[in-house]
Amino acid sequence: MRPTAAVVAFWLAALPAVAQAADRSPLPDAAAPSADASKLPLAAMRHQQPRRDEVDRLEQQRLGSKAQEIRQQQGPKVDRLYEEVMRRSAPGASGQ
């Protein structure tokens, strides 16, 4: 029983020192913004989806004159696929 009392006395003596050390935490506050984050504009932190005209322009740059031809060929296929997906995902759809 005597060693147990010594261990308890040691912990009780060390407890105030541990509490004071916890108050002086070397870690920065997570809620405070860092200096680097405050320099960035909010738009730089988000990914913007390209608009249709930008997609068309990039396709034209990449594919040249074939862009319009490919769009005309793939358009009806994409539309049918979209309609099928929407029909299957509609509330009450049986999935078939």
Protein backbone atom coordinates (compact mmCIF):
# COMPACT_ATOMS: atom_id res chain seq x y z
CA MET A 1 0.00 0.00 0.00
CA ARG A 2 2.85 2.33 0.66
CA PRO A 3 4.13 2.42 -2.96
CA THR A 4 0.61 3.29 -4.14
CA ALA A 5 0.50 6.29 -1.83
CA ALA A 6 3.86 7.45 -3.16
CA VAL A 7 2.67 7.23 -6.76
CA VAL A 8 -0.54 9.13 -5.96
CA ALA A 9 1.46 11.82 -4.15
CA PHE A 10 3.79 12.14 -7.14
CA TRP A 11 0.89 12.58 -9.57
CA LEU A 12 -0.83 15.12 -7.34
CA ALA A 13 2.40 17.13 -7.16
CA ALA A 14 2.93 17.00 -10.93
CA LEU A 15 -0.66 17.84 -11.90
CA PRO A 16 -0.41 21.66 -11.53
CA ALA A 17 2.75 21.74 -13.65
CA VAL A 18 1.05 19.75 -16.41
CA ALA A 19 -1.98 22.06 -16.33
CA GLN A 20 0.23 25.15 -16.68
CA ALA A 21 2.11 23.61 -19.60
CA ALA A 22 -1.20 22.89 -21.35
CA ASP A 23 -2.17 26.57 -21.08
CA ARG A 24 0.98 27.59 -22.99
CA SER A 25 0.32 25.47 -26.04
CA PRO A 26 2.93 26.07 -28.77
CA LEU A 27 0.41 25.14 -31.49
CA PRO A 28 -1.31 28.03 -33.33
CA ASP A 29 -5.04 28.48 -33.00
CA ALA A 30 -6.74 26.44 -35.74
CA ALA A 31 -9.59 28.95 -36.05
CA ALA A 32 -7.28 31.86 -36.82
CA PRO A 33 -6.49 32.26 -40.54
CA SER A 34 -2.87 31.98 -41.51
CA ALA A 35 -1.05 34.88 -43.14
CA ASP A 36 -0.80 33.02 -46.47
CA ALA A 37 -4.51 32.20 -46.57
CA SER A 38 -5.54 35.82 -46.06
CA LYS A 39 -3.56 36.88 -49.16
CA LEU A 40 -5.47 34.58 -51.53
CA PRO A 41 -8.73 35.75 -53.03
CA LEU A 42 -11.70 33.52 -52.30
CA ALA A 43 -12.13 32.65 -55.99
CA ALA A 44 -8.62 31.16 -56.03
CA MET A 45 -9.73 28.60 -53.45
CA ARG A 46 -12.68 27.32 -55.49
CA HIS A 47 -12.80 25.34 -58.69
CA GLN A 48 -15.03 27.04 -61.23
CA GLN A 49 -16.82 24.83 -63.74
CA PRO A 50 -16.24 26.00 -67.32
CA ARG A 51 -19.17 27.55 -69.15
CA ARG A 52 -20.45 26.12 -72.40
CA ASP A 53 -18.86 28.85 -74.54
CA GLU A 54 -15.48 28.21 -72.91
CA VAL A 55 -15.80 24.46 -73.54
CA ASP A 56 -16.70 25.14 -77.18
CA ARG A 57 -13.72 27.47 -77.57
CA LEU A 58 -11.31 24.92 -76.07
CA GLU A 59 -12.71 22.14 -78.28
CA GLN A 60 -12.29 24.38 -81.31
CA GLN A 61 -8.66 25.06 -80.38
CA ARG A 62 -7.91 21.41 -79.77
CA LEU A 63 -9.83 19.79 -82.64
CA GLY A 64 -10.04 22.56 -85.21
CA SER A 65 -12.66 22.08 -87.93
CA LYS A 66 -13.54 18.59 -86.67
CA ALA A 67 -15.05 19.98 -83.45
CA GLN A 68 -18.40 20.88 -85.03
CA GLU A 69 -18.59 17.55 -86.88
CA ILE A 70 -17.86 15.54 -83.72
CA ARG A 71 -20.40 17.57 -81.74
CA GLN A 72 -23.08 16.84 -84.35
CA GLN A 73 -22.31 13.11 -84.30
CA GLN A 74 -22.16 12.77 -80.52
CA GLY A 75 -25.01 15.15 -79.67
CA PRO A 76 -27.92 12.73 -80.20
CA LYS A 77 -26.07 9.91 -78.38
CA VAL A 78 -25.40 12.14 -75.39
CA ASP A 79 -29.00 13.33 -75.35
CA ARG A 80 -30.33 9.74 -75.40
CA LEU A 81 -27.95 8.72 -72.62
CA TYR A 82 -28.96 11.72 -70.53
CA GLU A 83 -32.65 10.97 -70.98
CA GLU A 84 -32.12 7.31 -70.04
CA VAL A 85 -30.18 8.20 -66.90
CA MET A 86 -32.80 10.75 -65.86
CA ARG A 87 -35.62 8.29 -66.51
CA ARG A 88 -33.92 5.58 -64.41
CA SER A 89 -33.12 7.94 -61.56
CA ALA A 90 -36.58 9.51 -61.42
CA PRO A 91 -38.50 8.96 -58.17
CA GLY A 92 -40.59 5.79 -58.44
CA ALA A 93 -38.54 4.44 -61.38
CA SER A 94 -38.13 0.70 -61.40
CA GLY A 95 -34.55 0.99 -62.67
CA GLN A 96 -35.28 -0.77 -65.96
